């Protein structure tokens, strides 16, 4: 491909050290962000969410919408960690992965695909559902059923993030090995 006609002049191409440095930086930032997002998600599921969906002594549940609204983790934390940065870094890594080849490309696109699936799941289900749960118009039993479903599906989101993170780490290892061996 003619380098002057390449649609993304800042993407990594074999033999272009400046572009490779940018690709490596974006991959490194993405790996870090995926790890932070996974750790924060596990923390929220283990420590924070049980404050919103309280287990009563009789084993039943009570949804605490006012506690969830007061915490407002979506605007106080997640928007700065995943909503914007993880989404942008995932898309940037998709662009960086495009000209790569072989195992590097397969691992990179595998990681991107998993992260994109998690992002779509988040924007398509988790964010709207939590906004609904934080509203005043959700009845007790409906709120509890919705919160339990949200909590159970959140495990799938954690698995997607974990797999994306591991694949991104493998990509980083392959990228670094390739750079050293060239």
N, C-alpha and C. Protein backbone atom coordinates (compact mmCIF):
# COMPACT_ATOMS: atom_id res chain seq x y z
N UNK A 1 0.85 -1.17 0.00
CA UNK A 1 0.00 0.00 0.00
C UNK A 1 0.90 1.24 0.00
N UNK A 2 0.54 2.21 -0.76
CA UNK A 2 1.27 3.46 -0.86
C UNK A 2 1.11 4.22 0.46
N UNK A 3 2.22 4.53 1.19
CA UNK A 3 2.10 5.21 2.49
C UNK A 3 1.39 6.56 2.40
N UNK A 4 1.52 7.26 1.27
CA UNK A 4 0.86 8.55 1.14
C UNK A 4 -0.66 8.41 1.03
N UNK A 5 -1.14 7.24 0.63
CA UNK A 5 -2.58 7.02 0.48
C UNK A 5 -3.18 6.28 1.67
N UNK A 6 -2.36 5.98 2.66
CA UNK A 6 -2.86 5.25 3.82
C UNK A 6 -3.90 6.09 4.55
N UNK A 7 -5.09 5.51 4.86
CA UNK A 7 -6.18 6.30 5.45
C UNK A 7 -5.89 6.80 6.86
N UNK A 8 -5.02 6.13 7.60
CA UNK A 8 -4.70 6.57 8.97
C UNK A 8 -3.21 6.81 9.06
N UNK A 9 -2.77 8.02 8.85
CA UNK A 9 -1.33 8.26 8.81
C UNK A 9 -0.63 7.98 10.14
N UNK A 10 -1.34 7.92 11.25
CA UNK A 10 -0.70 7.71 12.54
C UNK A 10 -0.73 6.25 12.99
N UNK A 11 -1.21 5.34 12.17
CA UNK A 11 -1.25 3.94 12.59
C UNK A 11 0.10 3.28 12.38
N UNK A 12 0.28 2.16 13.07
CA UNK A 12 1.53 1.45 12.98
C UNK A 12 1.63 0.73 11.65
N UNK A 13 2.75 0.92 11.00
CA UNK A 13 3.07 0.19 9.78
C UNK A 13 4.48 -0.33 9.94
N UNK A 14 4.73 -1.55 9.46
CA UNK A 14 6.09 -2.08 9.57
C UNK A 14 7.10 -1.09 9.02
N UNK A 15 8.17 -0.87 9.80
CA UNK A 15 9.22 0.03 9.35
C UNK A 15 8.99 1.48 9.71
N UNK A 16 7.91 1.80 10.36
CA UNK A 16 7.62 3.18 10.76
C UNK A 16 7.75 3.29 12.27
N UNK A 17 8.92 3.69 12.76
CA UNK A 17 9.17 3.67 14.20
C UNK A 17 8.30 4.66 14.96
N UNK A 18 8.04 5.86 14.43
CA UNK A 18 7.19 6.82 15.11
C UNK A 18 5.78 6.30 15.27
N UNK A 19 5.26 5.71 14.24
CA UNK A 19 3.92 5.12 14.30
C UNK A 19 3.89 3.94 15.25
N UNK A 20 4.95 3.15 15.26
CA UNK A 20 5.03 2.01 16.16
C UNK A 20 5.03 2.48 17.61
N UNK A 21 5.72 3.59 17.88
CA UNK A 21 5.77 4.13 19.24
C UNK A 21 4.38 4.59 19.67
N UNK A 22 3.65 5.21 18.78
CA UNK A 22 2.28 5.66 19.09
C UNK A 22 1.39 4.45 19.33
N UNK A 23 1.51 3.45 18.47
CA UNK A 23 0.71 2.22 18.64
C UNK A 23 1.03 1.55 19.97
N UNK A 24 2.32 1.48 20.31
CA UNK A 24 2.72 0.84 21.56
C UNK A 24 2.20 1.65 22.75
N UNK A 25 2.26 2.96 22.69
CA UNK A 25 1.74 3.81 23.76
C UNK A 25 0.24 3.60 23.94
N UNK A 26 -0.51 3.60 22.85
CA UNK A 26 -1.96 3.40 22.92
C UNK A 26 -2.30 2.01 23.44
N UNK A 27 -1.53 1.02 23.03
CA UNK A 27 -1.74 -0.34 23.53
C UNK A 27 -1.44 -0.41 25.02
N UNK A 28 -0.36 0.21 25.45
CA UNK A 28 0.03 0.23 26.86
C UNK A 28 -1.05 0.93 27.70
N UNK A 29 -1.53 2.08 27.24
CA UNK A 29 -2.59 2.80 27.96
C UNK A 29 -3.86 1.97 28.02
N UNK A 30 -4.16 1.26 26.95
CA UNK A 30 -5.37 0.43 26.89
C UNK A 30 -5.27 -0.73 27.87
N UNK A 31 -4.10 -1.38 27.92
CA UNK A 31 -3.88 -2.49 28.86
C UNK A 31 -4.08 -1.98 30.29
N UNK A 32 -3.50 -0.83 30.60
CA UNK A 32 -3.66 -0.25 31.94
C UNK A 32 -5.13 0.06 32.23
N UNK A 33 -5.81 0.66 31.27
CA UNK A 33 -7.21 1.04 31.48
C UNK A 33 -8.11 -0.18 31.62
N UNK A 34 -7.85 -1.22 30.84
CA UNK A 34 -8.63 -2.45 30.98
C UNK A 34 -8.45 -3.06 32.37
N UNK A 35 -7.22 -3.06 32.87
CA UNK A 35 -6.96 -3.60 34.20
C UNK A 35 -7.64 -2.78 35.29
N UNK A 36 -7.58 -1.47 35.17
CA UNK A 36 -8.24 -0.60 36.14
C UNK A 36 -9.75 -0.81 36.09
N UNK A 37 -10.31 -0.88 34.89
CA UNK A 37 -11.75 -1.07 34.73
C UNK A 37 -12.19 -2.40 35.34
N UNK A 38 -11.41 -3.45 35.12
CA UNK A 38 -11.75 -4.75 35.69
C UNK A 38 -11.68 -4.71 37.22
N UNK A 39 -10.61 -4.18 37.75
CA UNK A 39 -10.47 -4.09 39.20
C UNK A 39 -11.56 -3.23 39.83
N UNK A 40 -11.85 -2.10 39.23
CA UNK A 40 -12.90 -1.22 39.75
C UNK A 40 -14.27 -1.87 39.64
N UNK A 41 -14.51 -2.60 38.56
CA UNK A 41 -15.78 -3.30 38.40
C UNK A 41 -15.98 -4.38 39.45
N UNK A 42 -14.91 -5.11 39.73
CA UNK A 42 -14.98 -6.13 40.78
C UNK A 42 -15.18 -5.50 42.15
N UNK A 43 -14.53 -4.37 42.39
CA UNK A 43 -14.71 -3.65 43.65
C UNK A 43 -16.17 -3.18 43.79
N UNK A 44 -16.68 -2.59 42.73
CA UNK A 44 -18.06 -2.11 42.78
C UNK A 44 -19.03 -3.26 43.03
N UNK A 45 -18.83 -4.37 42.35
CA UNK A 45 -19.73 -5.52 42.51
C UNK A 45 -19.65 -6.12 43.91
N UNK A 46 -18.46 -6.09 44.51
CA UNK A 46 -18.25 -6.73 45.80
C UNK A 46 -18.55 -5.80 46.99
N UNK A 47 -18.18 -4.54 46.87
CA UNK A 47 -18.26 -3.62 48.01
C UNK A 47 -19.40 -2.61 47.86
N UNK A 48 -19.55 -2.01 46.69
CA UNK A 48 -20.50 -0.91 46.52
C UNK A 48 -21.91 -1.41 46.23
N UNK A 49 -22.06 -2.31 45.27
CA UNK A 49 -23.40 -2.77 44.88
C UNK A 49 -24.20 -3.36 46.05
N UNK A 50 -23.58 -4.12 46.96
CA UNK A 50 -24.34 -4.64 48.11
C UNK A 50 -24.91 -3.54 49.02
N UNK A 51 -24.41 -2.32 48.90
CA UNK A 51 -24.99 -1.20 49.64
C UNK A 51 -26.27 -0.71 48.95
N UNK A 52 -26.40 -1.01 47.68
CA UNK A 52 -27.58 -0.59 46.92
C UNK A 52 -28.67 -1.66 46.98
N UNK A 53 -28.26 -2.91 46.83
CA UNK A 53 -29.20 -4.03 46.93
C UNK A 53 -28.87 -4.77 48.22
N UNK A 54 -29.59 -4.41 49.26
CA UNK A 54 -29.30 -4.88 50.60
C UNK A 54 -30.00 -6.22 50.85
N UNK A 55 -29.27 -7.16 51.41
CA UNK A 55 -29.86 -8.44 51.82
C UNK A 55 -30.36 -8.28 53.25
N UNK A 56 -31.64 -8.48 53.43
CA UNK A 56 -32.28 -8.35 54.75
C UNK A 56 -32.07 -9.63 55.56
N UNK A 57 -32.25 -9.57 56.90
CA UNK A 57 -32.04 -10.75 57.75
C UNK A 57 -32.86 -11.97 57.33
N UNK A 58 -34.04 -11.75 56.75
CA UNK A 58 -34.87 -12.88 56.35
C UNK A 58 -34.47 -13.45 54.98
N UNK A 59 -33.40 -12.90 54.38
CA UNK A 59 -32.93 -13.40 53.08
C UNK A 59 -33.53 -12.69 51.89
N UNK A 60 -34.49 -11.82 52.13
CA UNK A 60 -35.07 -11.04 51.02
C UNK A 60 -34.16 -9.84 50.72
N UNK A 61 -34.51 -9.11 49.69
CA UNK A 61 -33.69 -7.98 49.26
C UNK A 61 -34.48 -6.68 49.35
N UNK A 62 -33.73 -5.60 49.45
CA UNK A 62 -34.33 -4.27 49.39
C UNK A 62 -33.44 -3.40 48.52
N UNK A 63 -34.02 -2.78 47.49
CA UNK A 63 -33.27 -1.88 46.62
C UNK A 63 -33.23 -0.50 47.23
N UNK A 64 -32.03 0.06 47.38
CA UNK A 64 -31.81 1.36 47.99
C UNK A 64 -31.48 2.38 46.89
N UNK A 65 -32.50 2.85 46.17
CA UNK A 65 -32.27 3.79 45.06
C UNK A 65 -31.60 5.07 45.54
N UNK A 66 -31.98 5.55 46.72
CA UNK A 66 -31.39 6.80 47.22
C UNK A 66 -29.89 6.65 47.49
N UNK A 67 -29.47 5.47 47.94
CA UNK A 67 -28.04 5.21 48.18
C UNK A 67 -27.29 5.15 46.84
N UNK A 68 -27.90 4.50 45.86
CA UNK A 68 -27.29 4.44 44.52
C UNK A 68 -27.19 5.83 43.91
N UNK A 69 -28.24 6.63 44.08
CA UNK A 69 -28.21 8.00 43.56
C UNK A 69 -27.14 8.83 44.26
N UNK A 70 -27.01 8.66 45.57
CA UNK A 70 -26.02 9.43 46.32
C UNK A 70 -24.59 9.04 45.91
N UNK A 71 -24.37 7.76 45.68
CA UNK A 71 -23.04 7.30 45.25
C UNK A 71 -22.75 7.80 43.84
N UNK A 72 -23.73 7.71 42.96
CA UNK A 72 -23.64 8.18 41.58
C UNK A 72 -22.29 7.83 40.93
N UNK A 73 -21.94 6.56 41.02
CA UNK A 73 -20.63 6.13 40.51
C UNK A 73 -20.49 6.36 39.01
N UNK A 74 -21.59 6.37 38.30
CA UNK A 74 -21.52 6.60 36.86
C UNK A 74 -20.90 7.94 36.52
N UNK A 75 -21.33 8.99 37.21
CA UNK A 75 -20.79 10.33 36.93
C UNK A 75 -19.59 10.68 37.79
N UNK A 76 -19.45 10.04 38.93
CA UNK A 76 -18.32 10.37 39.80
C UNK A 76 -17.07 9.56 39.48
N UNK A 77 -17.24 8.42 38.82
CA UNK A 77 -16.08 7.56 38.57
C UNK A 77 -16.06 6.99 37.15
N UNK A 78 -17.10 6.24 36.78
CA UNK A 78 -17.04 5.46 35.54
C UNK A 78 -16.86 6.31 34.29
N UNK A 79 -17.42 7.48 34.25
CA UNK A 79 -17.28 8.32 33.06
C UNK A 79 -15.81 8.64 32.80
N UNK A 80 -15.01 8.76 33.87
CA UNK A 80 -13.59 9.10 33.74
C UNK A 80 -12.70 7.89 33.51
N UNK A 81 -13.21 6.70 33.82
CA UNK A 81 -12.39 5.49 33.71
C UNK A 81 -12.75 4.68 32.47
N UNK A 82 -14.04 4.50 32.22
CA UNK A 82 -14.42 3.64 31.10
C UNK A 82 -15.28 4.33 30.05
N UNK A 83 -16.26 5.09 30.46
CA UNK A 83 -17.20 5.65 29.48
C UNK A 83 -16.45 6.35 28.36
N UNK A 84 -15.56 7.24 28.71
CA UNK A 84 -14.79 7.95 27.69
C UNK A 84 -13.44 7.26 27.40
N UNK A 85 -12.55 7.10 28.39
CA UNK A 85 -11.22 6.59 28.05
C UNK A 85 -11.20 5.18 27.47
N UNK A 86 -11.91 4.24 28.10
CA UNK A 86 -11.87 2.87 27.59
C UNK A 86 -12.48 2.77 26.21
N UNK A 87 -13.54 3.51 25.98
CA UNK A 87 -14.17 3.50 24.66
C UNK A 87 -13.23 4.08 23.61
N UNK A 88 -12.63 5.23 23.91
CA UNK A 88 -11.71 5.86 22.95
C UNK A 88 -10.48 4.99 22.72
N UNK A 89 -9.91 4.44 23.79
CA UNK A 89 -8.73 3.58 23.64
C UNK A 89 -9.04 2.29 22.89
N UNK A 90 -10.24 1.76 23.07
CA UNK A 90 -10.63 0.56 22.32
C UNK A 90 -10.72 0.87 20.83
N UNK A 91 -11.35 1.98 20.49
CA UNK A 91 -11.46 2.36 19.08
C UNK A 91 -10.08 2.70 18.48
N UNK A 92 -9.25 3.38 19.26
CA UNK A 92 -7.90 3.71 18.78
C UNK A 92 -7.09 2.44 18.55
N UNK A 93 -7.23 1.46 19.43
CA UNK A 93 -6.50 0.20 19.26
C UNK A 93 -7.04 -0.60 18.08
N UNK A 94 -8.32 -0.47 17.78
CA UNK A 94 -8.85 -1.11 16.57
C UNK A 94 -8.17 -0.53 15.33
N UNK A 95 -7.99 0.79 15.32
CA UNK A 95 -7.31 1.43 14.19
C UNK A 95 -5.83 1.02 14.13
N UNK A 96 -5.20 0.93 15.28
CA UNK A 96 -3.79 0.55 15.32
C UNK A 96 -3.59 -0.91 14.90
N UNK A 97 -4.55 -1.75 15.22
CA UNK A 97 -4.44 -3.17 14.90
C UNK A 97 -4.62 -3.44 13.40
N UNK A 98 -5.29 -2.56 12.73
CA UNK A 98 -5.65 -2.79 11.33
C UNK A 98 -4.46 -3.17 10.44
N UNK A 99 -3.36 -2.43 10.45
CA UNK A 99 -2.26 -2.80 9.56
C UNK A 99 -1.35 -3.91 10.08
N UNK A 100 -1.55 -4.37 11.30
CA UNK A 100 -0.70 -5.43 11.83
C UNK A 100 -1.01 -6.75 11.12
N UNK A 101 -0.15 -7.74 11.37
CA UNK A 101 -0.31 -9.01 10.66
C UNK A 101 -0.11 -10.18 11.60
N UNK A 102 -0.54 -11.36 11.15
CA UNK A 102 -0.27 -12.62 11.84
C UNK A 102 -0.87 -12.71 13.22
N UNK A 103 -0.09 -13.34 14.14
CA UNK A 103 -0.57 -13.54 15.51
C UNK A 103 -0.87 -12.22 16.21
N UNK A 104 -0.04 -11.23 15.96
CA UNK A 104 -0.25 -9.92 16.57
C UNK A 104 -1.63 -9.38 16.21
N UNK A 105 -1.96 -9.45 14.95
CA UNK A 105 -3.26 -8.95 14.49
C UNK A 105 -4.41 -9.76 15.11
N UNK A 106 -4.26 -11.08 15.12
CA UNK A 106 -5.33 -11.92 15.68
C UNK A 106 -5.57 -11.62 17.15
N UNK A 107 -4.52 -11.51 17.95
CA UNK A 107 -4.68 -11.23 19.37
C UNK A 107 -5.22 -9.82 19.59
N UNK A 108 -4.69 -8.88 18.80
CA UNK A 108 -5.11 -7.48 18.96
C UNK A 108 -6.60 -7.34 18.64
N UNK A 109 -7.03 -7.91 17.51
CA UNK A 109 -8.45 -7.82 17.15
C UNK A 109 -9.32 -8.66 18.08
N UNK A 110 -8.78 -9.75 18.60
CA UNK A 110 -9.53 -10.50 19.60
C UNK A 110 -9.80 -9.66 20.83
N UNK A 111 -8.76 -8.96 21.30
CA UNK A 111 -8.91 -8.08 22.46
C UNK A 111 -9.88 -6.95 22.16
N UNK A 112 -9.75 -6.36 20.99
CA UNK A 112 -10.65 -5.27 20.59
C UNK A 112 -12.09 -5.77 20.51
N UNK A 113 -12.29 -6.94 19.92
CA UNK A 113 -13.65 -7.49 19.82
C UNK A 113 -14.29 -7.73 21.17
N UNK A 114 -13.52 -8.29 22.10
CA UNK A 114 -14.04 -8.52 23.46
C UNK A 114 -14.35 -7.20 24.16
N UNK A 115 -13.45 -6.23 24.03
CA UNK A 115 -13.68 -4.93 24.66
C UNK A 115 -14.87 -4.22 24.02
N UNK A 116 -15.01 -4.33 22.70
CA UNK A 116 -16.17 -3.71 22.04
C UNK A 116 -17.47 -4.38 22.48
N UNK A 117 -17.45 -5.69 22.64
CA UNK A 117 -18.64 -6.40 23.13
C UNK A 117 -19.01 -5.89 24.52
N UNK A 118 -18.01 -5.72 25.38
CA UNK A 118 -18.25 -5.19 26.73
C UNK A 118 -18.78 -3.77 26.66
N UNK A 119 -18.23 -2.93 25.78
CA UNK A 119 -18.69 -1.54 25.65
C UNK A 119 -20.14 -1.50 25.17
N UNK A 120 -20.46 -2.33 24.16
CA UNK A 120 -21.84 -2.37 23.65
C UNK A 120 -22.81 -2.86 24.72
N UNK A 121 -22.42 -3.87 25.46
CA UNK A 121 -23.23 -4.39 26.56
C UNK A 121 -23.44 -3.31 27.62
N UNK A 122 -22.38 -2.57 27.92
CA UNK A 122 -22.46 -1.50 28.91
C UNK A 122 -23.42 -0.40 28.47
N UNK A 123 -23.22 0.09 27.24
CA UNK A 123 -24.06 1.20 26.76
C UNK A 123 -25.47 0.74 26.42
N UNK A 124 -25.62 -0.51 25.99
CA UNK A 124 -26.94 -1.01 25.59
C UNK A 124 -27.79 -1.50 26.74
N UNK A 125 -27.15 -1.99 27.81
CA UNK A 125 -27.92 -2.54 28.92
C UNK A 125 -27.59 -1.91 30.28
N UNK A 126 -26.32 -1.94 30.67
CA UNK A 126 -25.96 -1.57 32.04
C UNK A 126 -26.24 -0.12 32.39
N UNK A 127 -25.83 0.81 31.54
CA UNK A 127 -26.06 2.23 31.83
C UNK A 127 -27.56 2.55 31.85
N UNK A 128 -28.32 2.18 30.82
CA UNK A 128 -29.75 2.51 30.88
C UNK A 128 -30.48 1.84 32.04
N UNK A 129 -30.10 0.61 32.34
CA UNK A 129 -30.77 -0.11 33.43
C UNK A 129 -30.47 0.54 34.78
N UNK A 130 -29.22 0.93 35.00
CA UNK A 130 -28.89 1.59 36.27
C UNK A 130 -29.56 2.95 36.37
N UNK A 131 -29.62 3.68 35.27
CA UNK A 131 -30.34 4.96 35.30
C UNK A 131 -31.81 4.74 35.66
N UNK A 132 -32.39 3.69 35.12
CA UNK A 132 -33.78 3.34 35.44
C UNK A 132 -33.91 2.98 36.92
N UNK A 133 -32.98 2.17 37.43
CA UNK A 133 -33.02 1.76 38.83
C UNK A 133 -32.83 2.94 39.78
N UNK A 134 -32.07 3.93 39.37
CA UNK A 134 -31.83 5.08 40.23
C UNK A 134 -32.99 6.07 40.22
N UNK A 135 -33.94 5.88 39.32
CA UNK A 135 -35.11 6.75 39.26
C UNK A 135 -36.08 6.47 40.40
N UNK A 136 -37.03 7.35 40.55
CA UNK A 136 -38.03 7.21 41.62
C UNK A 136 -39.22 6.36 41.22
N UNK A 137 -39.31 6.00 39.96
CA UNK A 137 -40.52 5.37 39.44
C UNK A 137 -40.47 3.84 39.37
N UNK A 138 -39.54 3.20 40.09
CA UNK A 138 -39.41 1.75 40.03
C UNK A 138 -39.98 1.17 41.32
N UNK A 139 -40.96 0.28 41.17
CA UNK A 139 -41.58 -0.37 42.33
C UNK A 139 -40.61 -1.34 42.98
N UNK A 140 -40.81 -1.65 44.25
CA UNK A 140 -39.91 -2.50 45.04
C UNK A 140 -39.57 -3.82 44.41
N UNK A 141 -40.56 -4.64 44.09
CA UNK A 141 -40.27 -5.98 43.55
C UNK A 141 -39.68 -5.90 42.14
N UNK A 142 -40.13 -4.94 41.36
CA UNK A 142 -39.54 -4.76 40.02
C UNK A 142 -38.10 -4.29 40.12
N UNK A 143 -37.84 -3.38 41.04
CA UNK A 143 -36.47 -2.88 41.23
C UNK A 143 -35.55 -4.00 41.68
N UNK A 144 -36.03 -4.85 42.58
CA UNK A 144 -35.22 -5.95 43.09
C UNK A 144 -34.91 -6.95 41.97
N UNK A 145 -35.91 -7.31 41.21
CA UNK A 145 -35.70 -8.25 40.10
C UNK A 145 -34.73 -7.67 39.07
N UNK A 146 -34.89 -6.39 38.76
CA UNK A 146 -34.00 -5.75 37.79
C UNK A 146 -32.58 -5.65 38.33
N UNK A 147 -32.45 -5.29 39.60
CA UNK A 147 -31.12 -5.18 40.22
C UNK A 147 -30.43 -6.54 40.29
N UNK A 148 -31.16 -7.58 40.60
CA UNK A 148 -30.57 -8.93 40.63
C UNK A 148 -30.11 -9.35 39.24
N UNK A 149 -30.91 -9.07 38.22
CA UNK A 149 -30.54 -9.40 36.84
C UNK A 149 -29.28 -8.60 36.45
N UNK A 150 -29.27 -7.32 36.80
CA UNK A 150 -28.13 -6.46 36.52
C UNK A 150 -26.87 -7.04 37.17
N UNK A 151 -26.99 -7.45 38.42
CA UNK A 151 -25.86 -8.00 39.17
C UNK A 151 -25.36 -9.31 38.54
N UNK A 152 -26.28 -10.18 38.15
CA UNK A 152 -25.88 -11.46 37.54
C UNK A 152 -25.22 -11.24 36.17
N UNK A 153 -25.79 -10.36 35.37
CA UNK A 153 -25.19 -10.08 34.06
C UNK A 153 -23.86 -9.35 34.19
N UNK A 154 -23.67 -8.67 35.30
CA UNK A 154 -22.41 -7.97 35.53
C UNK A 154 -21.23 -8.95 35.58
N UNK A 155 -21.49 -10.18 36.00
CA UNK A 155 -20.43 -11.20 35.98
C UNK A 155 -19.96 -11.46 34.55
N UNK A 156 -20.88 -11.48 33.61
CA UNK A 156 -20.51 -11.65 32.21
C UNK A 156 -19.65 -10.48 31.73
N UNK A 157 -20.02 -9.29 32.17
CA UNK A 157 -19.23 -8.12 31.79
C UNK A 157 -17.82 -8.22 32.35
N UNK A 158 -17.68 -8.70 33.58
CA UNK A 158 -16.36 -8.88 34.16
C UNK A 158 -15.55 -9.91 33.38
N UNK A 159 -16.20 -10.96 32.95
CA UNK A 159 -15.51 -12.00 32.16
C UNK A 159 -15.03 -11.42 30.83
N UNK A 160 -15.89 -10.63 30.18
CA UNK A 160 -15.49 -9.99 28.92
C UNK A 160 -14.28 -9.08 29.13
N UNK A 161 -14.31 -8.29 30.22
CA UNK A 161 -13.18 -7.40 30.51
C UNK A 161 -11.91 -8.19 30.81
N UNK A 162 -12.04 -9.25 31.59
CA UNK A 162 -10.88 -10.09 31.91
C UNK A 162 -10.27 -10.68 30.65
N UNK A 163 -11.12 -11.24 29.79
CA UNK A 163 -10.62 -11.84 28.55
C UNK A 163 -10.00 -10.79 27.63
N UNK A 164 -10.61 -9.61 27.55
CA UNK A 164 -10.05 -8.52 26.74
C UNK A 164 -8.70 -8.09 27.30
N UNK A 165 -8.60 -8.01 28.63
CA UNK A 165 -7.35 -7.60 29.27
C UNK A 165 -6.24 -8.63 29.01
N UNK A 166 -6.56 -9.92 29.16
CA UNK A 166 -5.57 -10.97 28.92
C UNK A 166 -5.13 -10.95 27.45
N UNK A 167 -6.09 -10.81 26.54
CA UNK A 167 -5.74 -10.75 25.11
C UNK A 167 -4.91 -9.50 24.80
N UNK A 168 -5.24 -8.39 25.44
CA UNK A 168 -4.45 -7.16 25.23
C UNK A 168 -3.04 -7.32 25.80
N UNK A 169 -2.92 -7.99 26.94
CA UNK A 169 -1.59 -8.27 27.50
C UNK A 169 -0.77 -9.15 26.55
N UNK A 170 -1.41 -10.16 25.98
CA UNK A 170 -0.72 -11.02 25.01
C UNK A 170 -0.32 -10.21 23.78
N UNK A 171 -1.19 -9.32 23.35
CA UNK A 171 -0.88 -8.44 22.22
C UNK A 171 0.33 -7.59 22.54
N UNK A 172 0.34 -7.03 23.74
CA UNK A 172 1.47 -6.19 24.17
C UNK A 172 2.76 -7.00 24.18
N UNK A 173 2.69 -8.24 24.66
CA UNK A 173 3.87 -9.11 24.67
C UNK A 173 4.34 -9.39 23.25
N UNK A 174 3.43 -9.71 22.36
CA UNK A 174 3.78 -9.97 20.96
C UNK A 174 4.35 -8.71 20.29
N UNK A 175 3.74 -7.58 20.57
CA UNK A 175 4.19 -6.32 19.99
C UNK A 175 5.61 -6.01 20.47
N UNK A 176 5.85 -6.16 21.76
CA UNK A 176 7.17 -5.88 22.31
C UNK A 176 8.21 -6.86 21.79
N UNK A 177 7.84 -8.14 21.70
CA UNK A 177 8.76 -9.16 21.16
C UNK A 177 9.09 -8.87 19.71
N UNK A 178 8.09 -8.50 18.95
CA UNK A 178 8.29 -8.20 17.53
C UNK A 178 9.22 -7.00 17.37
N UNK A 179 9.04 -6.00 18.23
CA UNK A 179 9.86 -4.79 18.14
C UNK A 179 11.33 -5.11 18.47
N UNK A 180 11.56 -5.97 19.48
CA UNK A 180 12.90 -6.35 19.89
C UNK A 180 13.58 -7.18 18.79
N UNK A 181 12.83 -8.09 18.18
CA UNK A 181 13.43 -9.01 17.21
C UNK A 181 13.63 -8.36 15.83
N UNK A 182 13.11 -7.17 15.62
CA UNK A 182 13.29 -6.54 14.30
C UNK A 182 14.61 -5.84 14.17
